[in-house]
Amino acid sequence: MSTMDIIKLYGAEPANFLDVGGGATKENIVA
């Protein structure tokens, strides 16, 4: 949420909310 907020602060718009979580594997990141 903070990341999306600061993108908007600098005049752009986020294309998504994407939380990979705390236990993501390399395969999750690739996906």
PDB file of all heavy atoms in Angstrom:
ATOM      1  N   MET A   1       0.834  -1.207   0.000  1.00  0.00           N
ATOM      2  CA  MET A   1       0.000   0.000   0.000  1.00  0.00           C
ATOM      3  C   MET A   1       0.868   1.256   0.000  1.00  0.00           C
ATOM      4  O   MET A   1       0.582   2.221  -0.714  1.00  0.00           O
ATOM      5  CB  MET A   1      -0.924  -0.005   1.219  1.00  0.00           C
ATOM      6  CG  MET A   1      -1.943  -1.136   1.232  1.00  0.00           C
ATOM      7  SD  MET A   1      -3.096  -1.053  -0.147  1.00  0.00           S
ATOM      8  CE  MET A   1      -4.033   0.406   0.305  1.00  0.00           C
ATOM      9  N   SER A   2       1.934   1.235   0.797  1.00  0.00           N
ATOM     10  CA  SER A   2       2.845   2.383   0.838  1.00  0.00           C
ATOM     11  C   SER A   2       3.509   2.607  -0.512  1.00  0.00           C
ATOM     12  O   SER A   2       3.690   3.748  -0.953  1.00  0.00           O
ATOM     13  CB  SER A   2       3.925   2.161   1.905  1.00  0.00           C
ATOM     14  OG  SER A   2       3.353   2.022   3.181  1.00  0.00           O
ATOM     15  N   THR A   3       3.869   1.517  -1.167  1.00  0.00           N
ATOM     16  CA  THR A   3       4.504   1.612  -2.480  1.00  0.00           C
ATOM     17  C   THR A   3       3.552   2.240  -3.492  1.00  0.00           C
ATOM     18  O   THR A   3       3.947   3.108  -4.280  1.00  0.00           O
ATOM     19  CB  THR A   3       4.949   0.217  -2.960  1.00  0.00           C
ATOM     20  OG1 THR A   3       5.836  -0.354  -1.987  1.00  0.00           O
ATOM     21  CG2 THR A   3       5.642   0.293  -4.304  1.00  0.00           C
ATOM     22  N   MET A   4       2.300   1.812  -3.469  1.00  0.00           N
ATOM     23  CA  MET A   4       1.316   2.389  -4.382  1.00  0.00           C
ATOM     24  C   MET A   4       1.082   3.869  -4.074  1.00  0.00           C
ATOM     25  O   MET A   4       0.957   4.700  -4.979  1.00  0.00           O
ATOM     26  CB  MET A   4       0.005   1.610  -4.306  1.00  0.00           C
ATOM     27  CG  MET A   4       0.114   0.189  -4.841  1.00  0.00           C
ATOM     28  SD  MET A   4      -1.488  -0.620  -5.046  1.00  0.00           S
ATOM     29  CE  MET A   4      -2.024  -0.727  -3.348  1.00  0.00           C
ATOM     30  N   ASP A   5       1.051   4.190  -2.793  1.00  0.00           N
ATOM     31  CA  ASP A   5       0.843   5.594  -2.390  1.00  0.00           C
ATOM     32  C   ASP A   5       1.963   6.498  -2.905  1.00  0.00           C
ATOM     33  O   ASP A   5       1.702   7.596  -3.413  1.00  0.00           O
ATOM     34  CB  ASP A   5       0.769   5.701  -0.862  1.00  0.00           C
ATOM     35  CG  ASP A   5      -0.567   5.221  -0.307  1.00  0.00           C
ATOM     36  OD1 ASP A   5      -1.506   5.083  -1.100  1.00  0.00           O
ATOM     37  OD2 ASP A   5      -0.639   4.983   0.912  1.00  0.00           O
ATOM     38  N   ILE A   6       3.205   6.047  -2.777  1.00  0.00           N
ATOM     39  CA  ILE A   6       4.317   6.917  -3.164  1.00  0.00           C
ATOM     40  C   ILE A   6       4.433   7.023  -4.686  1.00  0.00           C
ATOM     41  O   ILE A   6       4.873   8.051  -5.220  1.00  0.00           O
ATOM     42  CB  ILE A   6       5.646   6.441  -2.526  1.00  0.00           C
ATOM     43  CG1 ILE A   6       6.652   7.597  -2.505  1.00  0.00           C
ATOM     44  CG2 ILE A   6       6.206   5.226  -3.240  1.00  0.00           C
ATOM     45  CD1 ILE A   6       7.842   7.337  -1.604  1.00  0.00           C
ATOM     46  N   ILE A   7       3.999   5.992  -5.410  1.00  0.00           N
ATOM     47  CA  ILE A   7       3.929   6.089  -6.876  1.00  0.00           C
ATOM     48  C   ILE A   7       2.938   7.177  -7.269  1.00  0.00           C
ATOM     49  O   ILE A   7       3.197   8.006  -8.147  1.00  0.00           O
ATOM     50  CB  ILE A   7       3.540   4.729  -7.491  1.00  0.00           C
ATOM     51  CG1 ILE A   7       4.708   3.754  -7.387  1.00  0.00           C
ATOM     52  CG2 ILE A   7       3.108   4.895  -8.954  1.00  0.00           C
ATOM     53  CD1 ILE A   7       4.363   2.337  -7.801  1.00  0.00           C
ATOM     54  N   LYS A   8       1.791   7.196  -6.581  1.00  0.00           N
ATOM     55  CA  LYS A   8       0.788   8.233  -6.856  1.00  0.00           C
ATOM     56  C   LYS A   8       1.309   9.612  -6.446  1.00  0.00           C
ATOM     57  O   LYS A   8       1.019  10.614  -7.105  1.00  0.00           O
ATOM     58  CB  LYS A   8      -0.517   7.906  -6.124  1.00  0.00           C
ATOM     59  CG  LYS A   8      -1.228   6.666  -6.644  1.00  0.00           C
ATOM     60  CD  LYS A   8      -2.454   6.320  -5.819  1.00  0.00           C
ATOM     61  CE  LYS A   8      -3.577   7.314  -6.034  1.00  0.00           C
ATOM     62  NZ  LYS A   8      -4.207   7.180  -7.361  1.00  0.00           N
ATOM     63  N   LEU A   9       2.080   9.654  -5.359  1.00  0.00           N
ATOM     64  CA  LEU A   9       2.631  10.921  -4.893  1.00  0.00           C
ATOM     65  C   LEU A   9       3.486  11.580  -5.971  1.00  0.00           C
ATOM     66  O   LEU A   9       3.468  12.805  -6.130  1.00  0.00           O
ATOM     67  CB  LEU A   9       3.459  10.690  -3.625  1.00  0.00           C
ATOM     68  CG  LEU A   9       4.185  11.919  -3.062  1.00  0.00           C
ATOM     69  CD1 LEU A   9       3.177  12.948  -2.557  1.00  0.00           C
ATOM     70  CD2 LEU A   9       5.141  11.513  -1.934  1.00  0.00           C
ATOM     71  N   TYR A  10       4.210  10.765  -6.722  1.00  0.00           N
ATOM     72  CA  TYR A  10       5.087  11.306  -7.754  1.00  0.00           C
ATOM     73  C   TYR A  10       4.411  11.379  -9.126  1.00  0.00           C
ATOM     74  O   TYR A  10       5.081  11.494 -10.152  1.00  0.00           O
ATOM     75  CB  TYR A  10       6.386  10.505  -7.816  1.00  0.00           C
ATOM     76  CG  TYR A  10       7.291  10.823  -6.647  1.00  0.00           C
ATOM     77  CD1 TYR A  10       7.530   9.899  -5.643  1.00  0.00           C
ATOM     78  CD2 TYR A  10       7.877  12.081  -6.533  1.00  0.00           C
ATOM     79  CE1 TYR A  10       8.346  10.207  -4.549  1.00  0.00           C
ATOM     80  CE2 TYR A  10       8.693  12.397  -5.453  1.00  0.00           C
ATOM     81  CZ  TYR A  10       8.919  11.464  -4.465  1.00  0.00           C
ATOM     82  OH  TYR A  10       9.721  11.789  -3.380  1.00  0.00           O
ATOM     83  N   GLY A  11       3.084  11.296  -9.131  1.00  0.00           N
ATOM     84  CA  GLY A  11       2.326  11.618 -10.332  1.00  0.00           C
ATOM     85  C   GLY A  11       1.989  10.472 -11.255  1.00  0.00           C
ATOM     86  O   GLY A  11       1.445  10.695 -12.339  1.00  0.00           O
ATOM     87  N   ALA A  12       2.258   9.244 -10.868  1.00  0.00           N
ATOM     88  CA  ALA A  12       1.925   8.088 -11.707  1.00  0.00           C
ATOM     89  C   ALA A  12       0.856   7.239 -11.003  1.00  0.00           C
ATOM     90  O   ALA A  12       0.410   7.561  -9.903  1.00  0.00           O
ATOM     91  CB  ALA A  12       3.166   7.265 -12.004  1.00  0.00           C
ATOM     92  N   GLU A  13       0.468   6.139 -11.657  1.00  0.00           N
ATOM     93  CA  GLU A  13      -0.577   5.278 -11.108  1.00  0.00           C
ATOM     94  C   GLU A  13      -0.098   3.823 -11.102  1.00  0.00           C
ATOM     95  O   GLU A  13       0.461   3.342 -12.092  1.00  0.00           O
ATOM     96  CB  GLU A  13      -1.860   5.377 -11.942  1.00  0.00           C
ATOM     97  CG  GLU A  13      -2.549   6.731 -11.888  1.00  0.00           C
ATOM     98  CD  GLU A  13      -3.174   7.012 -10.528  1.00  0.00           C
ATOM     99  OE1 GLU A  13      -3.529   6.042  -9.826  1.00  0.00           O
ATOM    100  OE2 GLU A  13      -3.303   8.201 -10.171  1.00  0.00           O
ATOM    101  N   PRO A  14      -0.329   3.100  -9.996  1.00  0.00           N
ATOM    102  CA  PRO A  14       0.049   1.682  -9.957  1.00  0.00           C
ATOM    103  C   PRO A  14      -0.867   0.841 -10.837  1.00  0.00           C
ATOM    104  O   PRO A  14      -2.063   1.118 -10.956  1.00  0.00           O
ATOM    105  CB  PRO A  14      -0.117   1.316  -8.477  1.00  0.00           C
ATOM    106  CG  PRO A  14      -1.125   2.295  -7.953  1.00  0.00           C
ATOM    107  CD  PRO A  14      -0.906   3.567  -8.719  1.00  0.00           C
ATOM    108  N   ALA A  15      -0.294  -0.188 -11.455  1.00  0.00           N
ATOM    109  CA  ALA A  15      -1.070  -1.086 -12.319  1.00  0.00           C
ATOM    110  C   ALA A  15      -1.657  -2.249 -11.545  1.00  0.00           C
ATOM    111  O   ALA A  15      -2.500  -2.985 -12.070  1.00  0.00           O
ATOM    112  CB  ALA A  15      -0.186  -1.613 -13.449  1.00  0.00           C
ATOM    113  N   ASN A  16      -1.202  -2.411 -10.297  1.00  0.00           N
ATOM    114  CA  ASN A  16      -1.672  -3.572  -9.541  1.00  0.00           C
ATOM    115  C   ASN A  16      -1.281  -3.456  -8.070  1.00  0.00           C
ATOM    116  O   ASN A  16      -0.424  -2.648  -7.697  1.00  0.00           O
ATOM    117  CB  ASN A  16      -1.071  -4.858 -10.103  1.00  0.00           C
ATOM    118  CG  ASN A  16       0.445  -4.878  -9.972  1.00  0.00           C
ATOM    119  OD1 ASN A  16       1.142  -4.392 -10.854  1.00  0.00           O
ATOM    120  ND2 ASN A  16       0.961  -5.407  -8.858  1.00  0.00           N
ATOM    121  N   PHE A  17      -1.922  -4.283  -7.277  1.00  0.00           N
ATOM    122  CA  PHE A  17      -1.479  -4.611  -5.921  1.00  0.00           C
ATOM    123  C   PHE A  17      -0.964  -6.034  -6.006  1.00  0.00           C
ATOM    124  O   PHE A  17      -1.688  -6.941  -6.424  1.00  0.00           O
ATOM    125  CB  PHE A  17      -2.657  -4.500  -4.945  1.00  0.00           C
ATOM    126  CG  PHE A  17      -2.381  -5.046  -3.571  1.00  0.00           C
ATOM    127  CD1 PHE A  17      -2.009  -4.204  -2.542  1.00  0.00           C
ATOM    128  CD2 PHE A  17      -2.491  -6.406  -3.294  1.00  0.00           C
ATOM    129  CE1 PHE A  17      -1.754  -4.691  -1.266  1.00  0.00           C
ATOM    130  CE2 PHE A  17      -2.244  -6.914  -2.031  1.00  0.00           C
ATOM    131  CZ  PHE A  17      -1.875  -6.044  -1.010  1.00  0.00           C
ATOM    132  N   LEU A  18       0.297  -6.251  -5.633  1.00  0.00           N
ATOM    133  CA  LEU A  18       0.855  -7.603  -5.667  1.00  0.00           C
ATOM    134  C   LEU A  18       1.740  -7.828  -4.454  1.00  0.00           C
ATOM    135  O   LEU A  18       2.816  -7.245  -4.330  1.00  0.00           O
ATOM    136  CB  LEU A  18       1.665  -7.832  -6.949  1.00  0.00           C
ATOM    137  CG  LEU A  18       2.424  -9.171  -7.053  1.00  0.00           C
ATOM    138  CD1 LEU A  18       1.482 -10.349  -6.834  1.00  0.00           C
ATOM    139  CD2 LEU A  18       3.108  -9.296  -8.405  1.00  0.00           C
ATOM    140  N   ASP A  19       1.247  -8.673  -3.552  1.00  0.00           N
ATOM    141  CA  ASP A  19       1.975  -9.032  -2.340  1.00  0.00           C
ATOM    142  C   ASP A  19       2.427 -10.482  -2.475  1.00  0.00           C
ATOM    143  O   ASP A  19       1.592 -11.391  -2.546  1.00  0.00           O
ATOM    144  CB  ASP A  19       1.055  -8.850  -1.123  1.00  0.00           C
ATOM    145  CG  ASP A  19       1.667  -9.369   0.171  1.00  0.00           C
ATOM    146  OD1 ASP A  19       2.895  -9.587   0.202  1.00  0.00           O
ATOM    147  OD2 ASP A  19       0.912  -9.555   1.144  1.00  0.00           O
ATOM    148  N   VAL A  20       3.749 -10.698  -2.546  1.00  0.00           N
ATOM    149  CA  VAL A  20       4.264 -12.061  -2.699  1.00  0.00           C
ATOM    150  C   VAL A  20       4.341 -12.794  -1.361  1.00  0.00           C
ATOM    151  O   VAL A  20       4.619 -13.997  -1.321  1.00  0.00           O
ATOM    152  CB  VAL A  20       5.649 -12.062  -3.379  1.00  0.00           C
ATOM    153  CG1 VAL A  20       5.559 -11.483  -4.772  1.00  0.00           C
ATOM    154  CG2 VAL A  20       6.676 -11.317  -2.533  1.00  0.00           C
ATOM    155  N   GLY A  21       4.094 -12.080  -0.269  1.00  0.00           N
ATOM    156  CA  GLY A  21       4.076 -12.715   1.040  1.00  0.00           C
ATOM    157  C   GLY A  21       5.458 -12.912   1.633  1.00  0.00           C
ATOM    158  O   GLY A  21       6.484 -12.617   1.016  1.00  0.00           O
ATOM    159  N   GLY A  22       5.481 -13.434   2.841  1.00  0.00           N
ATOM    160  CA  GLY A  22       6.740 -13.582   3.551  1.00  0.00           C
ATOM    161  C   GLY A  22       7.461 -14.872   3.265  1.00  0.00           C
ATOM    162  O   GLY A  22       8.662 -14.990   3.526  1.00  0.00           O
ATOM    163  N   GLY A  23       6.771 -15.861   2.730  1.00  0.00           N
ATOM    164  CA  GLY A  23       7.404 -17.163   2.505  1.00  0.00           C
ATOM    165  C   GLY A  23       7.483 -17.555   1.050  1.00  0.00           C
ATOM    166  O   GLY A  23       7.473 -18.749   0.718  1.00  0.00           O
ATOM    167  N   ALA A  24       7.561 -16.570   0.159  1.00  0.00           N
ATOM    168  CA  ALA A  24       7.587 -16.856  -1.274  1.00  0.00           C
ATOM    169  C   ALA A  24       8.862 -17.588  -1.674  1.00  0.00           C
ATOM    170  O   ALA A  24       9.944 -17.317  -1.158  1.00  0.00           O
ATOM    171  CB  ALA A  24       7.447 -15.566  -2.073  1.00  0.00           C
ATOM    172  N   THR A  25       8.721 -18.514  -2.607  1.00  0.00           N
ATOM    173  CA  THR A  25       9.868 -19.233  -3.161  1.00  0.00           C
ATOM    174  C   THR A  25      10.303 -18.576  -4.467  1.00  0.00           C
ATOM    175  O   THR A  25       9.643 -17.661  -4.972  1.00  0.00           O
ATOM    176  CB  THR A  25       9.492 -20.692  -3.453  1.00  0.00           C
ATOM    177  OG1 THR A  25       8.458 -20.710  -4.451  1.00  0.00           O
ATOM    178  CG2 THR A  25       8.980 -21.379  -2.190  1.00  0.00           C
ATOM    179  N   LYS A  26      11.407 -19.071  -5.024  1.00  0.00           N
ATOM    180  CA  LYS A  26      11.875 -18.548  -6.306  1.00  0.00           C
ATOM    181  C   LYS A  26      10.806 -18.755  -7.379  1.00  0.00           C
ATOM    182  O   LYS A  26      10.599 -17.896  -8.245  1.00  0.00           O
ATOM    183  CB  LYS A  26      13.174 -19.259  -6.702  1.00  0.00           C
ATOM    184  CG  LYS A  26      13.805 -18.712  -7.974  1.00  0.00           C
ATOM    185  CD  LYS A  26      15.125 -19.397  -8.283  1.00  0.00           C
ATOM    186  CE  LYS A  26      14.891 -20.839  -8.706  1.00  0.00           C
ATOM    187  NZ  LYS A  26      16.144 -21.488  -9.160  1.00  0.00           N
ATOM    188  N   GLU A  27      10.102 -19.889  -7.309  1.00  0.00           N
ATOM    189  CA  GLU A  27       9.054 -20.180  -8.288  1.00  0.00           C
ATOM    190  C   GLU A  27       7.908 -19.175  -8.176  1.00  0.00           C
ATOM    191  O   GLU A  27       7.316 -18.758  -9.189  1.00  0.00           O
ATOM    192  CB  GLU A  27       8.515 -21.603  -8.088  1.00  0.00           C
ATOM    193  CG  GLU A  27       9.485 -22.712  -8.488  1.00  0.00           C
ATOM    194  CD  GLU A  27      10.651 -22.846  -7.527  1.00  0.00           C
ATOM    195  OE1 GLU A  27      10.512 -22.449  -6.346  1.00  0.00           O
ATOM    196  OE2 GLU A  27      11.720 -23.346  -7.951  1.00  0.00           O
ATOM    197  N   ASN A  28       7.567 -18.772  -6.942  1.00  0.00           N
ATOM    198  CA  ASN A  28       6.525 -17.765  -6.743  1.00  0.00           C
ATOM    199  C   ASN A  28       6.923 -16.438  -7.378  1.00  0.00           C
ATOM    200  O   ASN A  28       6.089 -15.750  -7.992  1.00  0.00           O
ATOM    201  CB  ASN A  28       6.261 -17.549  -5.249  1.00  0.00           C
ATOM    202  CG  ASN A  28       5.621 -18.744  -4.587  1.00  0.00           C
ATOM    203  OD1 ASN A  28       6.266 -19.461  -3.844  1.00  0.00           O
ATOM    204  ND2 ASN A  28       4.353 -18.967  -4.841  1.00  0.00           N
ATOM    205  N   ILE A  29       8.192 -16.076  -7.220  1.00  0.00           N
ATOM    206  CA  ILE A  29       8.678 -14.804  -7.768  1.00  0.00           C
ATOM    207  C   ILE A  29       8.626 -14.825  -9.290  1.00  0.00           C
ATOM    208  O   ILE A  29       8.233 -13.849  -9.932  1.00  0.00           O
ATOM    209  CB  ILE A  29      10.103 -14.512  -7.274  1.00  0.00           C
ATOM    210  CG1 ILE A  29      10.153 -14.511  -5.734  1.00  0.00           C
ATOM    211  CG2 ILE A  29      10.589 -13.182  -7.833  1.00  0.00           C
ATOM    212  CD1 ILE A  29       9.152 -13.579  -5.086  1.00  0.00           C
ATOM    213  N   VAL A  30       9.030 -15.938  -9.875  1.00  0.00           N
ATOM    214  CA  VAL A  30       8.968 -16.071 -11.337  1.00  0.00           C
ATOM    215  C   VAL A  30       7.528 -15.933 -11.810  1.00  0.00           C
ATOM    216  O   VAL A  30       7.239 -15.233 -12.797  1.00  0.00           O
ATOM    217  CB  VAL A  30       9.563 -17.422 -11.786  1.00  0.00           C
ATOM    218  CG1 VAL A  30       9.318 -17.644 -13.273  1.00  0.00           C
ATOM    219  CG2 VAL A  30      11.054 -17.485 -11.477  1.00  0.00           C
ATOM    220  N   ALA A  31       6.598 -16.596 -11.107  1.00  0.00           N
ATOM    221  CA  ALA A  31       5.182 -16.515 -11.474  1.00  0.00           C
ATOM    222  C   ALA A  31       4.676 -15.085 -11.349  1.00  0.00           C
ATOM    223  O   ALA A  31       3.931 -14.596 -12.217  1.00  0.00           O
ATOM    224  CB  ALA A  31       4.360 -17.449 -10.591  1.00  0.00           C
TER     225      ALA A  31
END
